[in-house]
């Protein structure tokens, strides 16, 4: 019997997803476990598989479309089945005012609807006016068979009508890197979707176009008067050059939140509003750690070098073994203490961050941890992580030392009880017994949930952590 297939929850915080591509087409037979589609969630690109078998009788969502959690995406059944009743049901659910279970009309329409809401397209705004004029219905954008050779960024008053901007994640990232306004680019992908080649063509066209309205950097100074008096030359001034200002009176640009940024905003706002943070900072002498890392890296191939962050993750895991009360979280009417140590490692992405998890980090070797972090970070940047790889951490580490940040305070990643913020290794004097010598110092700041960890307990953890980092040979035991 034919059935409607809804968009499943592919990550713990997922509320909607972008259907990046269909791996099957209408009429294809699907077996349990077959890849049906690739979905871009707030965390990564996830595989959408089915547990049932049958024939894909109807695909209800176009590639590039944003779909709410649970909204219909396909109809599965047996070949030749009549699906007209199910299609009527889908249309009824999508109709405005059909109830809370219905997907919003903007989510259920295809990419040919330029009047739909535009969650992904930048919107440029002028300064607020006393009374905004009534909105006009825009005309549909015309598809183009090939990338336009003259598709360069254009001003807001010449931009395409406000509508859902269909662009692949790679195209969006590339557009930010190359400074291309996606509103000025005609897509040649499925359903007019903007893909990588369109962005590159637009960037090349913009680079080749001559700069309009360019003026000389400085006007010629007036010639001295006939008498050649020194004061005449001294009073000569360079005429101010004319500025080529962008057309229009726009004061700012709104860039709609990506699914990832929405999740970050929601979860971290909740964390700061509901978790009573307090902060503890300690410093470690980093010279022993640097020397230990250098010795380790002499023993491994160039593509397997160990980073300072790898050693910190291992040290944090062992410190949690020494102070297990910090490997805990608040659970309503109880404190939950974890038997295993799973460390979340913050990875920066172009449009946010994600925290993949190194499981059982306390019992893994430094080399294993290093290889796992490299692999997780690479796949995180390619949005290829699986749901189980970004959930279940019991403590997190965020390191901004590579950016030259001396010290910062991180926001706790619920439901964890704490997170460690790592600063850069900097030159500083070190007191060694009765003498002062040049040394290397590193700041470690622990953000604690005061419902779980008190000041003395957090101080014990940091003391153990500093001890391990200053005697790093213990990390290899």
Protein backbone atom coordinates (compact mmCIF):
# COMPACT_ATOMS: atom_id res chain seq x y z
CA UNK A 1 0.00 0.00 0.00
CA UNK A 2 1.37 3.41 -0.99
CA UNK A 3 2.54 5.70 1.82
CA UNK A 4 3.81 9.25 2.21
CA UNK A 5 7.45 9.51 3.27
CA UNK A 6 8.27 12.47 5.52
CA UNK A 7 11.63 14.13 6.12
CA UNK A 8 13.21 12.30 9.07
CA UNK A 9 15.23 13.84 11.91
CA UNK A 10 18.83 13.30 10.83
CA UNK A 11 20.54 15.25 13.63
CA UNK A 12 19.51 15.91 17.23
CA UNK A 13 18.92 19.63 16.65
CA UNK A 14 17.48 19.44 13.14
CA UNK A 15 14.30 21.42 12.46
CA UNK A 16 14.52 21.62 8.66
CA UNK A 17 16.81 20.49 5.87
CA UNK A 18 17.78 21.28 2.29
CA UNK A 19 17.33 18.45 -0.18
CA UNK A 20 20.72 18.67 -1.88
CA UNK A 21 20.15 15.87 -4.40
CA UNK A 22 18.00 12.86 -5.09
CA UNK A 23 19.98 9.62 -5.32
CA UNK A 24 16.91 7.88 -6.79
CA UNK A 25 14.40 9.02 -9.38
CA UNK A 26 10.69 8.43 -9.81
CA UNK A 27 10.02 4.84 -10.77
CA UNK A 28 13.18 3.47 -9.13
CA UNK A 29 12.86 0.52 -6.81
CA UNK A 30 14.21 1.04 -3.28
CA UNK A 31 15.49 -1.66 -0.95
CA UNK A 32 15.89 -1.22 2.83
CA UNK A 33 19.03 0.79 3.53
CA UNK A 34 19.29 2.26 0.03
CA UNK A 35 20.43 5.87 -0.23
CA UNK A 36 17.44 7.89 -1.41
CA UNK A 37 18.64 11.50 -1.03
CA UNK A 38 21.30 13.73 0.46
CA UNK A 39 20.00 16.24 3.02
CA UNK A 40 21.84 19.33 4.25
CA UNK A 41 21.06 19.73 7.96
CA UNK A 42 22.21 22.28 10.52
CA UNK A 43 25.24 20.08 11.26
CA UNK A 44 26.30 18.32 8.06
CA UNK A 45 25.14 16.70 4.85
CA UNK A 46 23.36 13.51 5.88
CA UNK A 47 22.31 10.39 3.97
CA UNK A 48 18.54 9.84 3.80
CA UNK A 49 17.78 6.13 3.63
CA UNK A 50 14.54 4.15 3.86
CA UNK A 51 13.78 1.12 5.99
CA UNK A 52 10.94 0.02 3.71
CA UNK A 53 11.11 -1.39 0.22
CA UNK A 54 9.02 -0.38 -2.75
CA UNK A 55 8.93 1.92 -5.76
CA UNK A 56 9.32 5.69 -5.58
CA UNK A 57 6.01 6.60 -7.18
CA UNK A 58 6.33 10.38 -6.71
CA UNK A 59 9.04 12.81 -5.62
CA UNK A 60 7.37 15.76 -3.89
CA UNK A 61 10.38 18.02 -3.33
CA UNK A 62 12.80 19.54 -5.84
CA UNK A 63 16.54 19.53 -5.37
CA UNK A 64 17.64 22.63 -3.48
CA UNK A 65 14.34 23.04 -1.66
CA UNK A 66 14.16 23.64 2.10
CA UNK A 67 11.86 21.17 3.85
CA UNK A 68 10.50 21.23 7.39
CA UNK A 69 11.01 18.22 9.63
CA UNK A 70 8.33 15.60 8.91
CA UNK A 71 7.07 17.33 5.74
CA UNK A 72 6.21 15.00 2.81
CA UNK A 73 9.09 14.42 0.41
CA UNK A 74 8.06 11.32 -1.55
CA UNK A 75 5.42 8.64 -2.03
CA UNK A 76 6.52 5.00 -1.79
CA UNK A 77 4.43 2.06 -2.93
CA UNK A 78 4.20 -0.64 -5.56
CA UNK A 79 4.40 -0.10 -9.28
CA UNK A 80 1.10 0.96 -10.82
CA UNK A 81 -0.57 2.05 -7.58
CA UNK A 82 -2.92 5.03 -7.73
CA UNK A 83 -1.51 7.87 -5.63
CA UNK A 84 -4.07 10.56 -6.47
CA UNK A 85 -5.64 10.41 -2.99
CA UNK A 86 -2.25 10.77 -1.34
CA UNK A 87 -1.39 13.72 -3.60
CA UNK A 88 -4.65 15.38 -2.57
CA UNK A 89 -3.67 14.80 1.06
CA UNK A 90 -0.25 16.39 0.49
CA UNK A 91 -1.82 19.41 -1.22
CA UNK A 92 -4.31 19.78 1.64
CA UNK A 93 -1.51 19.73 4.21
CA UNK A 94 0.43 22.34 2.25
CA UNK A 95 -2.57 24.66 1.94
CA UNK A 96 -2.49 27.80 4.14
CA UNK A 97 -4.36 27.41 7.43
CA UNK A 98 -4.43 23.64 7.27
CA UNK A 99 -3.17 23.30 10.85
CA UNK A 100 0.11 23.03 12.69
CA UNK A 101 1.09 19.75 11.04
CA UNK A 102 1.07 21.27 7.59
CA UNK A 103 4.32 22.43 6.05
CA UNK A 104 4.39 26.17 5.35
CA UNK A 105 3.55 27.07 1.77
CA UNK A 106 6.99 28.51 1.21
CA UNK A 107 8.53 25.17 2.11
CA UNK A 108 6.19 23.07 -0.02
CA UNK A 109 6.65 24.99 -3.24
CA UNK A 110 9.28 24.34 -5.87
CA UNK A 111 12.13 26.60 -6.92
CA UNK A 112 10.06 28.24 -9.66
CA UNK A 113 8.20 30.30 -7.03
CA UNK A 114 10.12 33.59 -6.83
CA UNK A 115 7.46 35.06 -4.54
CA UNK A 116 8.17 32.52 -1.80
CA UNK A 117 10.02 33.44 1.37
CA UNK A 118 13.76 33.75 0.92
CA UNK A 119 15.57 32.12 3.83
CA UNK A 120 18.93 31.89 2.07
CA UNK A 121 19.18 35.05 -0.04
CA UNK A 122 20.81 38.21 1.29
CA UNK A 123 18.30 41.06 1.60
CA UNK A 124 19.53 44.62 1.33
CA UNK A 125 17.60 47.26 3.30
CA UNK A 126 17.44 51.02 3.18
CA UNK A 127 17.13 53.12 6.29
CA UNK A 128 13.67 52.75 7.93
CA UNK A 129 10.95 54.87 6.39
CA UNK A 130 7.85 56.17 8.21
CA UNK A 131 5.48 53.96 6.19
CA UNK A 132 6.69 51.17 3.88
CA UNK A 133 5.02 50.99 0.47
CA UNK A 134 2.89 47.94 -0.37
CA UNK A 135 4.93 45.05 -1.75
CA UNK A 136 4.66 44.36 -5.45
CA UNK A 137 4.50 40.83 -6.81
CA UNK A 138 7.80 40.14 -8.58
CA UNK A 139 8.01 38.57 -11.98
CA UNK A 140 9.56 35.09 -12.25
CA UNK A 141 13.25 34.99 -13.06
CA UNK A 142 14.09 33.62 -16.49
CA UNK A 143 16.31 30.50 -16.49
CA UNK A 144 19.59 30.66 -18.36
CA UNK A 145 21.05 27.68 -20.22
CA UNK A 146 24.67 28.55 -19.39
CA UNK A 147 26.63 30.71 -16.97
CA UNK A 148 26.36 34.34 -17.98
CA UNK A 149 29.62 35.87 -19.14
CA UNK A 150 28.58 39.21 -17.72
CA UNK A 151 27.10 38.05 -14.41
CA UNK A 152 28.84 40.45 -12.06
CA UNK A 153 27.65 41.68 -8.67
CA UNK A 154 25.05 44.40 -9.16
CA UNK A 155 23.39 46.95 -6.91
CA UNK A 156 20.34 46.16 -4.84
CA UNK A 157 17.97 48.13 -7.06
CA UNK A 158 18.88 45.88 -9.99
CA UNK A 159 18.82 42.62 -8.05
CA UNK A 160 16.50 39.78 -8.90
CA UNK A 161 13.09 39.81 -7.19
CA UNK A 162 12.95 38.62 -3.62
CA UNK A 163 12.55 34.86 -3.76
CA UNK A 164 14.15 31.66 -2.52
CA UNK A 165 17.74 31.79 -3.63
CA UNK A 166 18.63 28.31 -4.81
CA UNK A 167 22.33 27.68 -4.41
CA UNK A 168 24.38 24.67 -3.42
CA UNK A 169 26.32 24.86 -0.13
CA UNK A 170 29.58 24.87 -2.10
CA UNK A 171 28.33 27.75 -4.26
CA UNK A 172 27.38 29.76 -1.15
CA UNK A 173 30.78 29.20 0.44
CA UNK A 174 32.62 30.01 -2.79
CA UNK A 175 30.56 33.18 -3.27
CA UNK A 176 31.64 34.44 0.15
CA UNK A 177 35.29 33.69 -0.64
CA UNK A 178 35.20 35.38 -4.06
CA UNK A 179 32.92 38.27 -3.11
CA UNK A 180 30.17 37.32 -5.56
CA UNK A 181 26.60 38.52 -4.96
CA UNK A 182 24.50 35.41 -5.58
CA UNK A 183 21.47 37.56 -6.38
CA UNK A 184 23.22 38.64 -9.56
CA UNK A 185 24.06 35.11 -10.70
CA UNK A 186 21.86 32.98 -12.95
CA UNK A 187 21.91 29.33 -11.95
CA UNK A 188 22.42 26.54 -14.45
CA UNK A 189 21.93 23.66 -12.02
CA UNK A 190 18.75 21.63 -11.52
CA UNK A 191 15.71 23.90 -11.40
CA UNK A 192 17.86 27.00 -11.90
CA UNK A 193 20.00 26.25 -8.86
CA UNK A 194 23.28 28.18 -8.60
CA UNK A 195 26.23 25.80 -8.62
CA UNK A 196 30.00 26.18 -8.39
CA UNK A 197 30.58 26.87 -12.10
CA UNK A 198 28.07 29.75 -12.03
CA UNK A 199 29.88 31.46 -9.15
CA UNK A 200 33.29 31.05 -10.79
CA UNK A 201 31.96 32.45 -14.07
CA UNK A 202 30.51 35.46 -12.26
CA UNK A 203 33.79 36.08 -10.43
CA UNK A 204 35.78 35.90 -13.68
CA UNK A 205 33.38 38.29 -15.39
CA UNK A 206 33.62 40.76 -12.52
CA UNK A 207 37.43 40.64 -12.58
CA UNK A 208 37.51 41.26 -16.34
CA UNK A 209 35.05 44.16 -16.31
CA UNK A 210 36.70 47.60 -16.38
CA UNK A 211 36.14 49.72 -13.28
CA UNK A 212 33.45 52.29 -14.02
CA UNK A 213 33.72 55.86 -12.95
CA UNK A 214 37.35 55.60 -11.85
CA UNK A 215 39.05 58.88 -11.18
CA UNK A 216 42.61 59.95 -10.69
CA UNK A 217 43.89 59.36 -7.16
CA UNK A 218 44.78 63.00 -6.80
CA UNK A 219 44.14 66.14 -8.76
CA UNK A 220 47.13 68.11 -9.98
CA UNK A 221 48.24 70.81 -7.58
CA UNK A 222 47.80 74.36 -8.86
CA UNK A 223 50.94 75.93 -10.34
CA UNK A 224 52.75 78.53 -8.26
CA UNK A 225 51.95 82.12 -9.08
CA UNK A 226 54.10 84.14 -11.46
CA UNK A 227 56.14 85.68 -8.67
CA UNK A 228 57.25 82.26 -7.48
CA UNK A 229 56.63 83.31 -3.89
CA UNK A 230 57.22 80.47 -1.39
CA UNK A 231 53.94 81.11 0.41
CA UNK A 232 52.05 80.51 -2.85
CA UNK A 233 53.53 77.03 -3.14
CA UNK A 234 53.01 76.33 0.54
CA UNK A 235 49.32 77.15 0.33
CA UNK A 236 48.72 74.97 -2.72
CA UNK A 237 46.45 72.04 -1.80
CA UNK A 238 45.56 68.79 -3.50
CA UNK A 239 42.00 68.86 -4.72
CA UNK A 240 39.84 66.21 -3.03
CA UNK A 241 39.18 63.29 -5.32
CA UNK A 242 35.62 62.33 -6.15
CA UNK A 243 34.36 59.13 -4.58
CA UNK A 244 32.52 56.48 -6.54
CA UNK A 245 29.77 55.50 -4.10
CA UNK A 246 27.49 52.49 -4.57
CA UNK A 247 24.11 53.42 -6.04
CA UNK A 248 21.10 53.56 -3.75
CA UNK A 249 20.75 54.56 -0.13
CA UNK A 250 21.21 51.16 1.48
CA UNK A 251 22.71 51.29 4.95
CA UNK A 252 23.08 47.61 5.74
CA UNK A 253 22.68 44.09 4.39
CA UNK A 254 20.73 41.32 6.12
CA UNK A 255 22.02 37.82 5.43
CA UNK A 256 19.39 35.28 6.45
CA UNK A 257 20.55 32.66 8.93
CA UNK A 258 21.66 29.30 7.62
CA UNK A 259 20.25 26.21 9.30
CA UNK A 260 23.53 25.82 11.20
CA UNK A 261 23.57 29.44 12.36
CA UNK A 262 19.94 29.16 13.52
CA UNK A 263 20.86 26.16 15.65
CA UNK A 264 23.94 27.89 17.07
CA UNK A 265 21.88 30.97 17.94
CA UNK A 266 19.13 28.95 19.60
CA UNK A 267 21.31 26.53 21.57
CA UNK A 268 23.86 29.06 22.81
CA UNK A 269 21.15 31.53 23.79
CA UNK A 270 19.50 28.76 25.78
CA UNK A 271 22.86 27.85 27.32
CA UNK A 272 23.61 31.38 28.52
CA UNK A 273 20.04 31.94 29.75
CA UNK A 274 19.58 28.62 31.56
CA UNK A 275 23.08 27.48 32.57
CA UNK A 276 24.73 29.43 35.43
CA UNK A 277 28.25 29.88 34.05
CA UNK A 278 31.31 30.73 36.09
CA UNK A 279 34.91 30.78 34.93
CA UNK A 280 38.28 29.61 36.24
CA UNK A 281 41.62 30.39 34.58
CA UNK A 282 45.00 28.78 35.13
CA UNK A 283 48.30 29.06 33.28
CA UNK A 284 50.62 26.24 32.26
CA UNK A 285 54.30 26.32 31.37
CA UNK A 286 54.09 25.15 27.75
CA UNK A 287 57.81 24.52 27.14
CA UNK A 288 57.70 20.86 28.25
CA UNK A 289 54.65 20.31 26.03
CA UNK A 290 56.37 21.86 23.00
CA UNK A 291 59.49 19.75 23.57
CA UNK A 292 57.42 16.57 23.96
CA UNK A 293 55.51 17.29 20.75
CA UNK A 294 58.75 17.91 18.84
CA UNK A 295 60.15 14.58 20.06
CA UNK A 296 56.96 12.72 19.08
CA UNK A 297 56.86 14.25 15.61
CA UNK A 298 60.38 13.01 14.86
CA UNK A 299 58.97 9.49 15.10
CA UNK A 300 55.97 9.83 12.77
CA UNK A 301 55.47 10.56 9.05
CA UNK A 302 54.89 14.13 7.89
CA UNK A 303 51.16 13.50 7.36
CA UNK A 304 50.71 12.18 10.90
CA UNK A 305 52.18 15.04 12.92
CA UNK A 306 50.72 15.53 16.38
CA UNK A 307 49.33 18.98 17.23
CA UNK A 308 49.31 20.78 20.56
CA UNK A 309 45.51 20.47 20.52
CA UNK A 310 45.78 16.67 20.20
CA UNK A 311 47.89 16.60 23.36
CA UNK A 312 45.48 18.91 25.18
CA UNK A 313 42.52 16.65 24.31
CA UNK A 314 44.40 13.65 25.71
CA UNK A 315 45.37 15.61 28.84
CA UNK A 316 41.77 16.76 29.40
CA UNK A 317 40.54 13.17 29.12
CA UNK A 318 43.09 11.94 31.69
CA UNK A 319 42.32 14.87 34.01
CA UNK A 320 38.64 13.87 33.89
CA UNK A 321 39.69 10.38 34.97
CA UNK A 322 41.50 11.92 37.93
CA UNK A 323 38.55 14.21 38.77
CA UNK A 324 35.51 12.23 37.54
CA UNK A 325 33.07 14.61 39.24
CA UNK A 326 33.73 17.04 36.37
CA UNK A 327 32.70 14.43 33.79
CA UNK A 328 29.06 15.13 34.58
CA UNK A 329 25.94 17.05 33.63
CA UNK A 330 22.78 18.47 35.22
CA UNK A 331 19.77 16.19 34.74
CA UNK A 332 16.85 18.02 36.32
CA UNK A 333 16.53 16.46 39.75
CA UNK A 334 19.86 14.61 39.61
CA UNK A 335 23.50 14.98 38.62
CA UNK A 336 24.53 12.53 35.90
CA UNK A 337 28.07 11.14 36.13
CA UNK A 338 29.45 9.53 32.98
CA UNK A 339 31.43 6.30 33.10
CA UNK A 340 33.15 7.02 29.77
CA UNK A 341 35.06 10.10 28.62
CA UNK A 342 33.96 11.53 25.27
CA UNK A 343 35.63 14.82 24.29
CA UNK A 344 33.96 17.27 21.90
CA UNK A 345 36.48 19.18 19.76
CA UNK A 346 35.23 22.50 18.36
CA UNK A 347 35.89 22.85 14.60
CA UNK A 348 35.40 26.21 12.88
CA UNK A 349 33.48 26.20 9.58
CA UNK A 350 32.83 28.98 7.08
CA UNK A 351 29.30 29.52 8.37
CA UNK A 352 29.57 28.42 11.98
CA UNK A 353 31.10 25.64 14.02
CA UNK A 354 30.51 22.02 14.85
CA UNK A 355 31.80 19.83 17.68
CA UNK A 356 32.66 16.29 16.56
CA UNK A 357 33.35 13.80 19.32
CA UNK A 358 36.45 11.76 20.15
CA UNK A 359 35.00 8.84 22.10
CA UNK A 360 36.87 7.15 24.96
CA UNK A 361 39.70 9.65 24.61
CA UNK A 362 41.14 8.63 27.98
CA UNK A 363 42.04 5.13 26.76
CA UNK A 364 43.14 5.99 23.21
CA UNK A 365 46.75 6.65 22.26
CA UNK A 366 47.92 10.13 21.28
CA UNK A 367 48.41 8.95 17.69
CA UNK A 368 44.88 7.55 17.50
CA UNK A 369 43.39 10.75 18.91
CA UNK A 370 45.41 12.85 16.45
CA UNK A 371 44.30 10.78 13.46
CA UNK A 372 40.65 10.89 14.57
CA UNK A 373 40.66 14.66 15.05
CA UNK A 374 42.22 15.20 11.60
CA UNK A 375 39.62 12.96 9.98
CA UNK A 376 36.68 14.46 11.88
CA UNK A 377 37.80 18.03 11.13
CA UNK A 378 38.26 17.27 7.42
CA UNK A 379 34.82 15.71 7.13
CA UNK A 380 33.25 18.46 9.26
CA UNK A 381 34.49 21.08 6.79
CA UNK A 382 33.09 18.98 3.96
CA UNK A 383 29.78 18.59 5.87
CA UNK A 384 30.17 14.82 5.76
CA UNK A 385 29.81 13.94 9.44
CA UNK A 386 27.23 11.41 10.59
CA UNK A 387 24.76 12.17 13.37
CA UNK A 388 26.47 9.88 15.89
CA UNK A 389 29.79 11.68 15.34
CA UNK A 390 28.47 15.01 16.65
CA UNK A 391 26.51 13.81 19.69
CA UNK A 392 27.31 12.30 23.06
CA UNK A 393 30.27 14.39 24.23
CA UNK A 394 30.71 14.69 28.01
CA UNK A 395 33.20 17.60 27.95
CA UNK A 396 34.39 19.94 25.18
CA UNK A 397 37.60 21.71 24.19
CA UNK A 398 37.71 24.95 22.17
CA UNK A 399 41.15 26.16 21.07
CA UNK A 400 41.70 29.62 19.56
CA UNK A 401 45.43 29.64 20.21
CA UNK A 402 46.21 29.31 16.52
CA UNK A 403 44.52 32.69 16.00
CA UNK A 404 46.73 34.44 18.56
CA UNK A 405 44.00 34.76 21.21
CA UNK A 406 45.57 34.94 24.68
CA UNK A 407 42.47 34.11 26.70
CA UNK A 408 38.72 33.70 26.19
CA UNK A 409 35.64 32.23 27.83
CA UNK A 410 33.66 29.62 25.91
CA UNK A 411 29.93 28.94 26.20
CA UNK A 412 29.07 25.53 27.64
CA UNK A 413 27.69 23.02 25.15
CA UNK A 414 24.58 21.58 26.89
CA UNK A 415 24.11 19.16 28.51
CA UNK A 416 27.82 19.08 29.36
CA UNK A 417 28.92 20.44 32.72
CA UNK A 418 31.98 22.31 31.47
CA UNK A 419 34.10 23.37 28.50
CA UNK A 420 37.80 24.29 28.30
CA UNK A 421 38.96 27.35 26.33
CA UNK A 422 42.62 27.23 25.26
CA UNK A 423 44.64 30.35 24.45
CA UNK A 424 47.81 30.83 22.45
CA UNK A 425 51.28 29.87 23.68
CA UNK A 426 53.05 33.16 24.33
CA UNK A 427 56.48 34.28 25.46
CA UNK A 428 56.48 35.19 29.14
CA UNK A 429 58.81 35.08 32.15
CA UNK A 430 58.64 31.87 34.17
CA UNK A 431 59.65 31.57 37.84
CA UNK A 432 61.67 28.36 38.18
CA UNK A 433 62.49 27.78 41.86
CA UNK A 434 64.54 30.85 42.81
CA UNK A 435 65.21 32.26 39.36
CA UNK A 436 63.26 33.88 36.57
CA UNK A 437 63.84 32.68 33.02
CA UNK A 438 62.24 33.27 29.61
CA UNK A 439 59.48 30.77 29.00
CA UNK A 440 56.27 29.85 27.20
CA UNK A 441 52.90 30.26 28.88
CA UNK A 442 49.43 29.06 27.92
CA UNK A 443 46.12 30.19 29.45
CA UNK A 444 43.44 27.58 30.17
CA UNK A 445 39.94 28.84 31.02
CA UNK A 446 37.26 26.46 32.26
CA UNK A 447 33.61 27.48 31.91
CA UNK A 448 31.63 25.56 34.54
CA UNK A 449 27.94 24.88 35.11
CA UNK A 450 27.60 25.91 38.76
CA UNK A 451 24.75 23.43 39.22
CA UNK A 452 27.27 20.64 38.59
CA UNK A 453 30.73 21.98 39.43
CA UNK A 454 31.68 24.24 42.33
CA UNK A 455 34.75 26.47 42.39
CA UNK A 456 36.96 24.13 44.42
CA UNK A 457 36.08 21.16 42.21
CA UNK A 458 36.86 23.09 39.03
CA UNK A 459 40.15 24.25 40.56
CA UNK A 460 41.10 20.62 41.28
CA UNK A 461 40.46 19.71 37.66
CA UNK A 462 42.58 22.59 36.34
CA UNK A 463 45.37 21.71 38.77
CA UNK A 464 45.43 18.12 37.46
CA UNK A 465 45.31 19.35 33.86
CA UNK A 466 48.24 21.75 34.34
CA UNK A 467 50.21 18.97 36.03
CA UNK A 468 49.68 16.67 33.03
CA UNK A 469 50.59 19.37 30.49
CA UNK A 470 53.77 20.27 32.36
CA UNK A 471 54.77 16.60 32.62
CA UNK A 472 53.53 15.48 29.18
CA UNK A 473 55.38 12.14 29.25
CA UNK A 474 52.50 10.95 31.44
CA UNK A 475 50.17 11.34 28.44
CA UNK A 476 51.91 8.41 26.77
CA UNK A 477 51.58 6.03 29.75
